[in-house]
Each structure stands twice: as structure tokens, then as C-alpha cells.
Amino acid sequence: MQLSNNPTAAEVLSCLKSLHSEAVYRCRTALDDLLAEPNQAAFAIVEEFLDRILRAEGVKTEWRIFLESVRHEIWPQEFEALGERSQLRQQWLDSVAAALGANQLERMKFL
């Protein structure tokens, strides 16, 4: 805003109020933008993390491999019991397969 050659006090006051309002508006807008930037940056970082950790191709297999390598540290007693049951189940399946193999007709010929 420009003042006249011989400004009155009211004209100066009006000009100052207008410039003050404009300065406050610009500061508020700039601060709002700064406030939003960290949130947008944090959101972008989280999205990138999720893309790499959860949405990447083959990540499910990689997580299973990782869990297999550290599961005894995460749940030591539960996985120890699970491991024992898995071994027992595998032994049972091997025994059933051996019994089925022994019961084949061609193995039952004694003469």
C-alpha cells in the first residue's frame, strides 16, 4: 500500500493495520506449511517402511526365514515345545510311511 504525499494519521493507521493483517496471514500460512511438512515426511517414511517390510515381493518368505532363525529368542518355551511336537509328528509320519511300505502286496510274498 502507498500513502499519499500528505498522509493523515487515520490513513497511516489504516495502512499499518492492513499491512499487519497481511503479515500475520503470511506468517500463519508459512507456519501451517511447516507444521504439515514433518507430518508429511513422517508419513512418507512410514509408507516407505511398510512398502519394504510388508508389501515387497517375497517378503512373506523372508519373514518366515527370519522368524525361524530367531524364534527361540522370542518365544523360547513355546517353540521348544512346538519343535518337540513337530519332531514327534515327523517320526509318526515316517513310521506310518514305513508301515504302509511294508504292507505292500509284493512284499508279502513269502515263496
C-alpha atoms as a PDB file:
ATOM      1  CA  MET A   1       0.000   0.000   0.000  1.00  0.00           C
ATOM      2  CA  GLN A   2       1.131   3.503  -0.688  1.00  0.00           C
ATOM      3  CA  LEU A   3       0.420   6.572   1.315  1.00  0.00           C
ATOM      4  CA  SER A   4      -0.500   9.902  -0.208  1.00  0.00           C
ATOM      5  CA  ASN A   5       2.001  12.757  -0.244  1.00  0.00           C
ATOM      6  CA  ASN A   6       0.465  14.244   2.898  1.00  0.00           C
ATOM      7  CA  PRO A   7      -0.951  11.219   4.795  1.00  0.00           C
ATOM      8  CA  THR A   8      -3.243  11.701   7.705  1.00  0.00           C
ATOM      9  CA  ALA A   9      -2.923   9.763  10.931  1.00  0.00           C
ATOM     10  CA  ALA A  10      -6.015   7.727  10.026  1.00  0.00           C
ATOM     11  CA  GLU A  11      -4.537   6.845   6.633  1.00  0.00           C
ATOM     12  CA  VAL A  12      -1.262   5.725   8.247  1.00  0.00           C
ATOM     13  CA  LEU A  13      -3.192   3.691  10.835  1.00  0.00           C
ATOM     14  CA  SER A  14      -5.318   2.065   8.149  1.00  0.00           C
ATOM     15  CA  CYS A  15      -2.238   1.225   6.096  1.00  0.00           C
ATOM     16  CA  LEU A  16      -0.431  -0.225   9.145  1.00  0.00           C
ATOM     17  CA  LYS A  17      -3.450  -2.341  10.114  1.00  0.00           C
ATOM     18  CA  SER A  18      -3.724  -3.688   6.584  1.00  0.00           C
ATOM     19  CA  LEU A  19      -0.013  -4.487   6.389  1.00  0.00           C
ATOM     20  CA  HIS A  20      -0.125  -6.050   9.858  1.00  0.00           C
ATOM     21  CA  SER A  21      -3.047  -8.297   8.864  1.00  0.00           C
ATOM     22  CA  GLU A  22      -1.242  -9.340   5.697  1.00  0.00           C
ATOM     23  CA  ALA A  23       1.985 -10.100   7.635  1.00  0.00           C
ATOM     24  CA  VAL A  24       0.073 -12.174  10.217  1.00  0.00           C
ATOM     25  CA  TYR A  25      -1.702 -14.077   7.443  1.00  0.00           C
ATOM     26  CA  ARG A  26       1.581 -14.841   5.665  1.00  0.00           C
ATOM     27  CA  CYS A  27       3.251 -15.946   8.915  1.00  0.00           C
ATOM     28  CA  ARG A  28       0.310 -18.168   9.803  1.00  0.00           C
ATOM     29  CA  THR A  29       0.335 -19.726   6.325  1.00  0.00           C
ATOM     30  CA  ALA A  30       4.089 -20.334   6.489  1.00  0.00           C
ATOM     31  CA  LEU A  31       3.803 -21.886   9.961  1.00  0.00           C
ATOM     32  CA  ASP A  32       0.940 -24.126   8.843  1.00  0.00           C
ATOM     33  CA  ASP A  33       3.093 -25.334   5.957  1.00  0.00           C
ATOM     34  CA  LEU A  34       5.993 -26.016   8.321  1.00  0.00           C
ATOM     35  CA  LEU A  35       3.699 -27.854  10.682  1.00  0.00           C
ATOM     36  CA  ALA A  36       2.429 -30.067   7.881  1.00  0.00           C
ATOM     37  CA  GLU A  37       5.892 -30.855   6.469  1.00  0.00           C
ATOM     38  CA  PRO A  38       7.099 -33.027   9.368  1.00  0.00           C
ATOM     39  CA  ASN A  39       3.826 -34.924   9.337  1.00  0.00           C
ATOM     40  CA  GLN A  40       4.114 -35.484   5.599  1.00  0.00           C
ATOM     41  CA  ALA A  41       7.758 -36.523   5.999  1.00  0.00           C
ATOM     42  CA  ALA A  42       6.872 -38.941   8.790  1.00  0.00           C
ATOM     43  CA  PHE A  43       4.033 -40.344   6.700  1.00  0.00           C
ATOM     44  CA  ALA A  44       6.365 -40.833   3.734  1.00  0.00           C
ATOM     45  CA  ILE A  45       8.929 -42.581   5.929  1.00  0.00           C
ATOM     46  CA  VAL A  46       6.290 -44.904   7.380  1.00  0.00           C
ATOM     47  CA  GLU A  47       4.903 -45.658   3.932  1.00  0.00           C
ATOM     48  CA  GLU A  48       8.389 -46.460   2.615  1.00  0.00           C
ATOM     49  CA  PHE A  49       8.985 -48.733   5.617  1.00  0.00           C
ATOM     50  CA  LEU A  50       5.690 -50.525   5.043  1.00  0.00           C
ATOM     51  CA  ASP A  51       6.442 -50.916   1.338  1.00  0.00           C
ATOM     52  CA  ARG A  52       9.791 -52.532   2.066  1.00  0.00           C
ATOM     53  CA  ILE A  53       8.739 -54.602   5.066  1.00  0.00           C
ATOM     54  CA  LEU A  54       5.196 -55.717   4.271  1.00  0.00           C
ATOM     55  CA  ARG A  55       4.410 -55.174   0.608  1.00  0.00           C
ATOM     56  CA  ALA A  56       7.618 -56.200  -1.152  1.00  0.00           C
ATOM     57  CA  GLU A  57       7.674 -59.291  -3.333  1.00  0.00           C
ATOM     58  CA  GLY A  58       8.822 -62.395  -1.445  1.00  0.00           C
ATOM     59  CA  VAL A  59       8.708 -60.650   1.919  1.00  0.00           C
ATOM     60  CA  LYS A  60       6.496 -63.343   3.459  1.00  0.00           C
ATOM     61  CA  THR A  61       9.133 -65.977   2.803  1.00  0.00           C
ATOM     62  CA  GLU A  62      11.875 -63.708   4.137  1.00  0.00           C
ATOM     63  CA  TRP A  63       9.895 -63.060   7.329  1.00  0.00           C
ATOM     64  CA  ARG A  64       9.408 -66.806   7.825  1.00  0.00           C
ATOM     65  CA  ILE A  65      13.144 -67.403   7.398  1.00  0.00           C
ATOM     66  CA  PHE A  66      13.914 -64.591   9.835  1.00  0.00           C
ATOM     67  CA  LEU A  67      11.377 -65.857  12.368  1.00  0.00           C
ATOM     68  CA  GLU A  68      12.778 -69.366  12.099  1.00  0.00           C
ATOM     69  CA  SER A  69      16.256 -68.057  12.937  1.00  0.00           C
ATOM     70  CA  VAL A  70      15.179 -66.011  15.990  1.00  0.00           C
ATOM     71  CA  ARG A  71      12.057 -67.738  17.256  1.00  0.00           C
ATOM     72  CA  HIS A  72      13.871 -69.388  20.163  1.00  0.00           C
ATOM     73  CA  GLU A  73      14.827 -65.899  21.387  1.00  0.00           C
ATOM     74  CA  ILE A  74      11.286 -64.551  21.040  1.00  0.00           C
ATOM     75  CA  TRP A  75       9.271 -67.450  22.450  1.00  0.00           C
ATOM     76  CA  PRO A  76      11.785 -69.917  23.907  1.00  0.00           C
ATOM     77  CA  GLN A  77       9.426 -72.283  25.783  1.00  0.00           C
ATOM     78  CA  GLU A  78       6.581 -72.250  23.281  1.00  0.00           C
ATOM     79  CA  PHE A  79       8.783 -73.004  20.296  1.00  0.00           C
ATOM     80  CA  GLU A  80      10.756 -75.614  22.174  1.00  0.00           C
ATOM     81  CA  ALA A  81       7.525 -77.493  22.856  1.00  0.00           C
ATOM     82  CA  LEU A  82       6.409 -76.928  19.267  1.00  0.00           C
ATOM     83  CA  GLY A  83       9.733 -78.239  17.996  1.00  0.00           C
ATOM     84  CA  GLU A  84       9.381 -81.377  20.120  1.00  0.00           C
ATOM     85  CA  ARG A  85       5.834 -81.930  18.828  1.00  0.00           C
ATOM     86  CA  SER A  86       6.996 -81.373  15.264  1.00  0.00           C
ATOM     87  CA  GLN A  87       9.742 -83.969  15.687  1.00  0.00           C
ATOM     88  CA  LEU A  88       7.281 -86.424  17.239  1.00  0.00           C
ATOM     89  CA  ARG A  89       4.819 -85.809  14.390  1.00  0.00           C
ATOM     90  CA  GLN A  90       7.548 -86.347  11.799  1.00  0.00           C
ATOM     91  CA  GLN A  91       8.595 -89.597  13.485  1.00  0.00           C
ATOM     92  CA  TRP A  92       4.971 -90.721  13.477  1.00  0.00           C
ATOM     93  CA  LEU A  93       4.599 -89.874   9.759  1.00  0.00           C
ATOM     94  CA  ASP A  94       7.839 -91.753   8.990  1.00  0.00           C
ATOM     95  CA  SER A  95       6.585 -94.792  10.925  1.00  0.00           C
ATOM     96  CA  VAL A  96       3.251 -94.736   9.091  1.00  0.00           C
ATOM     97  CA  ALA A  97       5.053 -94.490   5.744  1.00  0.00           C
ATOM     98  CA  ALA A  98       7.302 -97.430   6.710  1.00  0.00           C
ATOM     99  CA  ALA A  99       4.280 -99.495   7.771  1.00  0.00           C
ATOM    100  CA  LEU A 100       2.474 -98.720   4.517  1.00  0.00           C
ATOM    101  CA  GLY A 101       5.576 -99.659   2.573  1.00  0.00           C
ATOM    102  CA  ALA A 102       5.884-102.952   4.454  1.00  0.00           C
ATOM    103  CA  ASN A 103       2.234-103.811   3.782  1.00  0.00           C
ATOM    104  CA  GLN A 104       2.582-103.666   0.005  1.00  0.00           C
ATOM    105  CA  LEU A 105       1.330-106.832  -1.745  1.00  0.00           C
ATOM    106  CA  GLU A 106       4.624-107.582  -3.454  1.00  0.00           C
ATOM    107  CA  ARG A 107       6.449-107.565  -0.092  1.00  0.00           C
ATOM    108  CA  MET A 108       4.021-110.081   1.370  1.00  0.00           C
ATOM    109  CA  LYS A 109       5.055-112.919  -0.967  1.00  0.00           C
ATOM    110  CA  PHE A 110       6.913-115.400   1.138  1.00  0.00           C
ATOM    111  CA  LEU A 111       7.613-118.001  -1.523  1.00  0.00           C
END
